[in-house]
Amino acid sequence: MADATATPAMVTDKGLDNVIIGDSTKSFIDGTAGVLEYVGIDIDDLARNSTFEECCYLLWYDRLPTTAELQSFEAEIRSHYQLSDEIKQMIMATPKFASPMHVVRTMVSALGCEDPDCNDQSMEAEERKALRVLAKTPAIIAGFDRHRRGESLVDPDPSLNIATNFLMMLNGDMPGEQTARALDVCLILHADHGINASTFATMVAIGTQSDMYSAITAAIGTLRGPLHGGANERVMNMLQQIGTIDNVESFIRSRLENKEKVPGFGHRVYKAYDPRAKYLKTFAETIAEETGNHDLYTMSSTIEQIMEEAVGSRGIHPNVDFFSATSYFSMGLAIDLFTPVFALARNAGWAAHAFERIEDNRLIRPRCNYTGPHQAPYVPIEDRASTASG
């Protein structure tokens, strides 16, 4: 029986695939043509020419910055790199066996606890909160990974961009130029992607007039789910399971014959080649060469060839997670850090959509189709056992 407030205009759409909840200028996706744009600019152009910080500015302010604006924006981000002693102590007190995504979610939430203006709902205050989360997330991820390895935390270097600084804090030394640039590209490619599950969670939270810390914490918790984040982790686990190039064909053919999914292929939106994967494939090869992981790239490339021959005609192609797995592993990231780095990048898009919601807000409150009983009797507790047993 339908909700009493339901109207003929309402429809049931379990996954909300066909529901438009508002207007946005942030990212455009055409899954059939394989197009992704940030504020109208093609993702491949951004990956080749831009930086992660510049893409953050683009998503937040709907235009590319001037040189002076970008320098000012970068300086503001870098001024917030350093974690407080209290947050560092929380990281060091965290069990070493904890899931990194649980740690990131908890520490981002804790940032709100030390912000005296956390309840200031002005746009200026929310932008500052978003910038603090963006700037401090790399130190949180790197700090926890070093803590669980029994190593001391490395302080951020305000002379470095986000990508280079993160790898330096993670590994304790400066990364190679190609490695740092590859991570920068990965962050660009993951910065935004329409109203996905975690972005929607951000919008639901900020739409209640909650604060940016709460909204991004909700997003991180949503991204943790394996149906949303974690695909590149599964790709890397598969590559390790395969082991060597000699085992690739038999492993993939077996999966296809058994109608099992191959991680990193296919996408809910894209029926053409994922535009984010095109340039990333090039960088995956470059970084694999720089870090001595060429065999890993060869395995990935061979899998792509087999899959393209077998299922490419059905619109199943590599997605961004397939080659990002090779890239992240070559950078020295532990596999369970892949999704936290995804969160690091998506901070840009989460905040961008939150800003839009603040400017044109309506509480998100969907309906459900009630299918339970009506006018059911209340059974006294002493009678319930016999009622349940018939």
Protein backbone atom coordinates (compact mmCIF):
# COMPACT_ATOMS: atom_id res chain seq x y z
CA MET A 1 0.00 0.00 0.00
CA ALA A 2 1.45 3.37 -0.97
CA ASP A 3 2.41 6.11 1.47
CA ALA A 4 -0.69 8.15 2.25
CA THR A 5 1.10 11.29 1.07
CA ALA A 6 2.13 9.77 -2.27
CA THR A 7 0.94 11.46 -5.45
CA PRO A 8 0.63 10.21 -9.04
CA ALA A 9 3.78 12.17 -9.93
CA MET A 10 5.90 10.05 -7.61
CA VAL A 11 7.73 7.00 -8.90
CA THR A 12 9.64 4.17 -7.28
CA ASP A 13 13.31 4.15 -8.26
CA LYS A 14 15.23 1.98 -5.84
CA GLY A 15 18.70 3.20 -6.79
CA LEU A 16 17.58 6.75 -7.73
CA ASP A 17 19.19 6.21 -11.14
CA ASN A 18 16.46 8.18 -12.89
CA VAL A 19 15.99 10.91 -10.29
CA ILE A 20 17.43 14.39 -10.81
CA ILE A 21 17.77 16.16 -7.46
CA GLY A 22 18.91 19.55 -8.70
CA ASP A 23 21.21 21.54 -10.97
CA SER A 24 25.00 21.49 -10.85
CA THR A 25 27.82 23.21 -12.70
CA LYS A 26 30.55 20.93 -11.34
CA SER A 27 30.92 17.83 -13.51
CA PHE A 28 29.23 16.51 -16.63
CA ILE A 29 29.18 12.82 -17.57
CA ASP A 30 28.10 11.24 -20.84
CA GLY A 31 28.51 7.52 -20.25
CA THR A 32 27.62 6.56 -23.80
CA ALA A 33 30.17 8.85 -25.44
CA GLY A 34 32.77 8.43 -22.69
CA VAL A 35 32.88 12.09 -21.68
CA LEU A 36 33.75 13.63 -18.30
CA GLU A 37 34.09 17.38 -17.87
CA TYR A 38 34.80 19.56 -14.85
CA VAL A 39 32.96 22.86 -15.30
CA GLY A 40 32.93 22.19 -19.05
CA ILE A 41 36.63 21.31 -19.42
CA ASP A 42 37.43 17.81 -20.69
CA ILE A 43 39.07 15.58 -18.10
CA ASP A 44 41.83 14.56 -20.49
CA ASP A 45 42.82 18.22 -21.00
CA LEU A 46 42.90 18.71 -17.23
CA ALA A 47 44.94 15.54 -16.66
CA ARG A 48 47.51 16.63 -19.23
CA ASN A 49 47.75 20.32 -18.35
CA SER A 50 46.39 21.07 -14.90
CA THR A 51 47.24 20.33 -11.28
CA PHE A 52 45.08 18.96 -8.49
CA GLU A 53 45.08 22.31 -6.69
CA GLU A 54 43.97 24.10 -9.85
CA CYS A 55 41.16 21.58 -10.33
CA CYS A 56 40.02 22.18 -6.74
CA TYR A 57 39.83 25.89 -7.50
CA LEU A 58 37.94 25.17 -10.72
CA LEU A 59 35.39 22.97 -8.96
CA TRP A 60 34.91 25.31 -6.02
CA TYR A 61 34.68 28.59 -7.94
CA ASP A 62 33.49 27.46 -11.40
CA ARG A 63 36.45 28.91 -13.30
CA LEU A 64 40.18 28.49 -13.77
CA PRO A 65 42.26 30.81 -11.58
CA THR A 66 44.72 33.44 -12.68
CA THR A 67 48.35 32.91 -11.74
CA ALA A 68 48.00 35.17 -8.70
CA GLU A 69 44.76 33.49 -7.61
CA LEU A 70 46.26 30.02 -7.90
CA GLN A 71 49.37 31.03 -5.95
CA SER A 72 47.20 32.52 -3.20
CA PHE A 73 44.98 29.43 -3.11
CA GLU A 74 47.99 27.09 -2.92
CA ALA A 75 49.54 29.19 -0.15
CA GLU A 76 46.31 29.05 1.85
CA ILE A 77 46.12 25.26 1.50
CA ARG A 78 49.75 24.82 2.54
CA SER A 79 49.28 27.03 5.60
CA HIS A 80 46.90 24.33 6.92
CA TYR A 81 49.08 21.27 6.16
CA GLN A 82 50.32 20.80 9.73
CA LEU A 83 48.30 18.64 12.12
CA SER A 84 47.78 19.83 15.68
CA ASP A 85 49.55 17.98 18.49
CA GLU A 86 46.15 16.69 19.62
CA ILE A 87 45.33 15.11 16.25
CA LYS A 88 48.83 13.60 16.08
CA GLN A 89 48.31 12.10 19.54
CA MET A 90 44.98 10.65 18.42
CA ILE A 91 46.67 9.03 15.43
CA MET A 92 49.40 7.58 17.63
CA ALA A 93 46.77 6.24 20.04
CA THR A 94 44.86 4.47 17.27
CA PRO A 95 45.21 0.65 17.18
CA LYS A 96 47.70 -0.30 14.49
CA PHE A 97 45.30 -2.92 13.12
CA ALA A 98 42.60 -0.33 12.42
CA SER A 99 41.19 0.07 8.92
CA PRO A 100 42.69 3.21 7.33
CA MET A 101 39.26 4.37 6.13
CA HIS A 102 37.95 4.20 9.70
CA VAL A 103 40.93 6.27 10.80
CA VAL A 104 40.46 8.90 8.08
CA ARG A 105 36.74 9.17 8.86
CA THR A 106 37.42 9.55 12.58
CA MET A 107 40.22 12.08 12.24
CA VAL A 108 38.31 14.27 9.77
CA SER A 109 35.45 14.30 12.23
CA ALA A 110 37.91 15.21 15.00
CA LEU A 111 39.05 18.25 13.02
CA GLY A 112 35.66 19.74 13.79
CA CYS A 113 36.24 19.26 17.51
CA GLU A 114 39.26 21.59 17.50
CA ASP A 115 37.68 24.27 15.29
CA PRO A 116 36.09 26.99 17.45
CA ASP A 117 34.07 28.13 14.42
CA CYS A 118 32.74 24.68 13.51
CA ASN A 119 29.14 25.89 13.92
CA ASP A 120 29.61 29.02 11.80
CA GLN A 121 27.42 28.36 8.76
CA SER A 122 28.58 31.27 6.62
CA MET A 123 29.92 30.36 3.20
CA GLU A 124 33.30 31.83 4.14
CA ALA A 125 33.51 29.57 7.19
CA GLU A 126 32.45 26.47 5.24
CA GLU A 127 35.07 27.18 2.57
CA ARG A 128 37.72 27.46 5.28
CA LYS A 129 36.61 24.14 6.82
CA ALA A 130 36.71 22.43 3.42
CA LEU A 131 40.19 23.82 2.82
CA ARG A 132 41.38 22.53 6.23
CA VAL A 133 40.08 19.02 5.46
CA LEU A 134 41.69 19.11 2.00
CA ALA A 135 45.03 20.24 3.43
CA LYS A 136 45.19 17.92 6.44
CA THR A 137 43.88 14.64 4.99
CA PRO A 138 47.27 13.76 3.39
CA ALA A 139 49.02 14.08 6.77
CA ILE A 140 46.30 11.97 8.43
CA ILE A 141 46.67 9.13 5.92
CA ALA A 142 50.47 9.21 5.84
CA GLY A 143 50.69 9.64 9.62
CA PHE A 144 48.57 6.60 10.38
CA ASP A 145 50.44 4.42 7.90
CA ARG A 146 53.77 5.37 9.47
CA HIS A 147 52.34 4.83 12.96
CA ARG A 148 51.20 1.30 12.15
CA ARG A 149 54.62 0.55 10.67
CA GLY A 150 56.27 1.70 13.89
CA GLU A 151 57.84 4.78 12.30
CA SER A 152 57.72 8.39 13.45
CA LEU A 153 55.40 10.83 11.72
CA VAL A 154 56.94 13.11 9.10
CA ASP A 155 55.92 16.76 9.20
CA PRO A 156 54.55 18.28 5.98
CA ASP A 157 56.66 20.57 3.84
CA PRO A 158 54.77 23.77 2.89
CA SER A 159 56.99 24.24 -0.15
CA LEU A 160 55.50 21.16 -1.82
CA ASN A 161 52.19 20.57 -3.57
CA ILE A 162 49.64 18.14 -2.13
CA ALA A 163 50.74 15.11 -4.18
CA THR A 164 54.49 15.49 -3.58
CA ASN A 165 53.99 16.36 0.07
CA PHE A 166 51.83 13.28 0.67
CA LEU A 167 54.38 10.89 -0.83
CA MET A 168 57.18 12.57 1.10
CA MET A 169 55.28 12.21 4.41
CA LEU A 170 54.34 8.63 3.57
CA ASN A 171 57.74 7.30 2.52
CA GLY A 172 60.07 9.66 4.37
CA ASP A 173 61.92 10.90 1.29
CA MET A 174 61.26 12.88 -1.85
CA PRO A 175 59.47 10.97 -4.62
CA GLY A 176 60.65 10.89 -8.21
CA GLU A 177 59.28 13.62 -10.46
CA GLN A 178 57.21 11.22 -12.58
CA THR A 179 55.86 9.47 -9.49
CA ALA A 180 54.73 12.74 -7.91
CA ARG A 181 53.15 13.90 -11.16
CA ALA A 182 51.38 10.56 -11.56
CA LEU A 183 49.75 10.92 -8.15
CA ASP A 184 48.77 14.49 -9.03
CA VAL A 185 47.05 13.16 -12.16
CA CYS A 186 45.29 10.44 -10.15
CA LEU A 187 43.97 13.08 -7.76
CA ILE A 188 42.68 15.14 -10.68
CA LEU A 189 40.90 12.13 -12.18
CA HIS A 190 39.21 11.25 -8.86
CA ALA A 191 38.33 14.82 -7.82
CA ASP A 192 34.67 14.68 -8.83
CA HIS A 193 32.22 12.41 -10.61
CA GLY A 194 28.66 13.69 -10.52
CA ILE A 195 26.20 12.72 -7.81
CA ASN A 196 27.73 9.43 -6.78
CA ALA A 197 26.87 7.79 -3.46
CA SER A 198 29.41 9.65 -1.31
CA THR A 199 28.68 13.01 -2.94
CA PHE A 200 24.99 12.42 -2.34
CA ALA A 201 25.77 11.66 1.31
CA THR A 202 27.60 15.00 1.51
CA MET A 203 24.58 16.79 0.08
CA VAL A 204 22.14 15.06 2.43
CA ALA A 205 24.23 16.04 5.46
CA ILE A 206 24.94 19.64 4.43
CA GLY A 207 21.30 19.99 3.40
CA THR A 208 20.27 19.65 7.05
CA GLN A 209 22.40 22.76 7.72
CA SER A 210 25.04 20.63 9.37
CA ASP A 211 28.71 21.60 9.00
CA MET A 212 31.35 20.70 6.44
CA TYR A 213 33.20 18.35 8.81
CA SER A 214 30.03 16.31 9.34
CA ALA A 215 29.20 16.30 5.63
CA ILE A 216 32.65 15.08 4.57
CA THR A 217 32.72 12.54 7.40
CA ALA A 218 29.43 11.14 6.05
CA ALA A 219 30.98 11.01 2.59
CA ILE A 220 34.06 9.14 3.79
CA GLY A 221 31.89 6.59 5.57
CA THR A 222 29.90 6.10 2.37
CA LEU A 223 33.01 5.77 0.20
CA ARG A 224 34.26 3.02 2.50
CA GLY A 225 31.53 0.68 1.24
CA PRO A 226 32.87 -1.86 -1.28
CA LEU A 227 30.11 -1.05 -3.78
CA HIS A 228 31.51 2.49 -4.06
CA GLY A 229 35.19 2.72 -3.09
CA GLY A 230 37.78 -0.02 -3.01
CA ALA A 231 37.62 -1.18 -6.62
CA ASN A 232 41.30 -0.46 -7.23
CA GLU A 233 42.13 -2.45 -4.09
CA ARG A 234 40.37 -5.44 -5.62
CA VAL A 235 42.30 -4.93 -8.86
CA MET A 236 45.60 -5.05 -6.99
CA ASN A 237 44.55 -8.10 -5.01
CA MET A 238 43.70 -9.81 -8.31
CA LEU A 239 47.09 -8.94 -9.81
CA GLN A 240 48.84 -10.38 -6.78
CA GLN A 241 46.70 -13.49 -6.99
CA ILE A 242 47.64 -13.96 -10.65
CA GLY A 243 51.30 -13.63 -9.72
CA THR A 244 53.10 -13.68 -13.08
CA ILE A 245 52.44 -12.78 -16.69
CA ASP A 246 52.33 -16.48 -17.58
CA ASN A 247 49.20 -16.95 -15.47
CA VAL A 248 47.24 -14.00 -16.82
CA GLU A 249 45.41 -15.57 -19.73
CA SER A 250 44.26 -18.72 -17.94
CA PHE A 251 43.13 -16.70 -14.91
CA ILE A 252 41.09 -14.17 -16.90
CA ARG A 253 39.63 -16.78 -19.27
CA SER A 254 38.56 -18.85 -16.29
CA ARG A 255 36.79 -15.87 -14.75
CA LEU A 256 34.99 -15.09 -17.96
CA GLU A 257 33.92 -18.70 -18.46
CA ASN A 258 32.55 -18.81 -14.91
CA LYS A 259 30.78 -15.46 -15.46
CA GLU A 260 32.76 -13.87 -12.64
CA LYS A 261 33.51 -10.16 -12.65
CA VAL A 262 37.01 -8.97 -13.44
CA PRO A 263 37.84 -6.04 -11.10
CA GLY A 264 38.54 -2.76 -12.84
CA PHE A 265 36.30 -3.42 -15.85
CA GLY A 266 32.89 -1.99 -16.56
CA HIS A 267 31.16 0.96 -14.94
CA ARG A 268 27.62 1.76 -13.90
CA VAL A 269 27.72 4.97 -15.95
CA TYR A 270 30.25 4.42 -18.76
CA LYS A 271 29.44 2.20 -21.72
CA ALA A 272 32.41 3.60 -23.64
CA TYR A 273 36.06 3.68 -22.51
CA ASP A 274 36.24 5.49 -19.18
CA PRO A 275 37.74 8.89 -20.12
CA ARG A 276 39.65 8.95 -16.83
CA ALA A 277 41.48 5.75 -17.74
CA LYS A 278 42.90 6.98 -21.06
CA TYR A 279 45.68 9.24 -19.85
CA LEU A 280 46.14 7.31 -16.62
CA LYS A 281 47.16 4.26 -18.64
CA THR A 282 50.07 6.27 -20.05
CA PHE A 283 51.14 7.41 -16.60
CA ALA A 284 50.79 3.91 -15.18
CA GLU A 285 53.39 2.73 -17.67
CA THR A 286 55.70 5.66 -16.96
CA ILE A 287 55.62 5.25 -13.19
CA ALA A 288 56.00 1.47 -13.46
CA GLU A 289 59.20 2.04 -15.43
CA GLU A 290 60.47 4.65 -12.94
CA THR A 291 59.86 2.40 -9.95
CA GLY A 292 60.89 -0.95 -11.40
CA ASN A 293 57.37 -2.36 -11.69
CA HIS A 294 57.28 -2.91 -15.43
CA ASP A 295 56.09 -6.53 -15.06
CA LEU A 296 53.07 -5.29 -13.14
CA TYR A 297 52.14 -2.92 -15.94
CA THR A 298 52.67 -5.67 -18.53
CA MET A 299 50.24 -7.89 -16.64
CA SER A 300 47.66 -5.08 -16.55
CA SER A 301 48.08 -4.32 -20.23
CA THR A 302 47.69 -8.02 -21.13
CA ILE A 303 44.50 -8.27 -19.08
CA GLU A 304 43.13 -5.23 -20.91
CA GLN A 305 43.85 -6.84 -24.30
CA ILE A 306 42.12 -10.09 -23.34
CA MET A 307 39.11 -8.27 -21.92
CA GLU A 308 38.81 -5.96 -24.91
CA GLU A 309 38.66 -8.93 -27.28
CA ALA A 310 36.21 -10.82 -25.09
CA VAL A 311 33.77 -8.18 -23.82
CA GLY A 312 34.74 -4.81 -25.30
CA SER A 313 31.92 -5.04 -27.85
CA ARG A 314 29.47 -5.18 -24.91
CA GLY A 315 30.67 -1.84 -23.56
CA ILE A 316 32.88 -3.35 -20.86
CA HIS A 317 36.18 -1.47 -20.79
CA PRO A 318 38.82 -0.55 -18.18
CA ASN A 319 37.64 2.03 -15.67
CA VAL A 320 39.76 4.50 -13.72
CA ASP A 321 40.37 1.96 -10.97
CA PHE A 322 42.14 -0.54 -13.22
CA PHE A 323 45.27 1.45 -14.00
CA SER A 324 45.19 3.52 -10.80
CA ALA A 325 45.85 0.25 -8.92
CA THR A 326 49.12 -0.26 -10.80
CA SER A 327 50.03 3.38 -10.27
CA TYR A 328 49.33 3.47 -6.54
CA PHE A 329 51.18 0.23 -5.90
CA SER A 330 54.19 1.49 -7.85
CA MET A 331 54.20 4.64 -5.69
CA GLY A 332 54.67 2.49 -2.62
CA LEU A 333 51.13 2.71 -1.26
CA ALA A 334 49.85 -0.19 0.81
CA ILE A 335 46.78 -1.65 -0.87
CA ASP A 336 44.44 -0.57 1.93
CA LEU A 337 45.53 3.04 1.37
CA PHE A 338 44.11 3.15 -2.16
CA THR A 339 40.62 4.12 -1.01
CA PRO A 340 41.85 6.73 1.51
CA VAL A 341 43.77 8.40 -1.33
CA PHE A 342 40.54 8.30 -3.35
CA ALA A 343 38.93 10.16 -0.42
CA LEU A 344 41.79 12.66 -0.40
CA ALA A 345 41.04 13.49 -4.04
CA ARG A 346 37.26 13.49 -3.70
CA ASN A 347 37.45 16.10 -0.92
CA ALA A 348 37.49 18.57 -3.80
CA GLY A 349 34.22 17.39 -5.33
CA TRP A 350 32.45 16.75 -2.03
CA ALA A 351 33.07 20.32 -0.94
CA ALA A 352 32.13 21.72 -4.36
CA HIS A 353 28.70 20.08 -4.28
CA ALA A 354 28.23 21.07 -0.63
CA PHE A 355 28.84 24.71 -1.59
CA GLU A 356 26.16 24.44 -4.29
CA ARG A 357 23.72 22.96 -1.79
CA ILE A 358 24.37 25.72 0.73
CA GLU A 359 23.62 28.37 -1.89
CA ASP A 360 20.40 26.68 -3.10
CA ASN A 361 19.29 24.35 -0.36
CA ARG A 362 16.28 22.17 0.17
CA LEU A 363 16.22 19.45 2.79
CA ILE A 364 16.56 16.10 1.00
CA ARG A 365 13.67 13.96 2.15
CA PRO A 366 12.61 11.15 -0.22
CA ARG A 367 9.54 8.98 0.38
CA CYS A 368 9.21 5.23 0.64
CA ASN A 369 6.48 2.87 -0.46
CA TYR A 370 5.14 1.34 2.75
CA THR A 371 4.47 -2.38 2.36
CA GLY A 372 3.83 -3.36 5.98
CA PRO A 373 0.52 -4.10 7.78
CA HIS A 374 -2.07 -1.61 9.02
CA GLN A 375 -4.09 -1.51 12.22
CA ALA A 376 -2.06 -4.34 13.75
CA PRO A 377 -2.95 -5.12 17.37
CA TYR A 378 -0.57 -4.56 20.26
CA VAL A 379 0.02 -7.97 21.86
CA PRO A 380 0.84 -7.94 25.61
CA ILE A 381 4.31 -9.35 26.29
CA GLU A 382 2.99 -12.34 28.26
CA ASP A 383 0.99 -13.44 25.22
CA ARG A 384 3.66 -13.02 22.54
CA ALA A 385 5.41 -16.39 22.83
CA SER A 386 2.21 -18.33 22.25
CA THR A 387 1.21 -15.98 19.41
CA ALA A 388 4.58 -16.45 17.70
CA SER A 389 4.41 -20.24 18.03
CA GLY A 390 0.93 -20.35 16.51
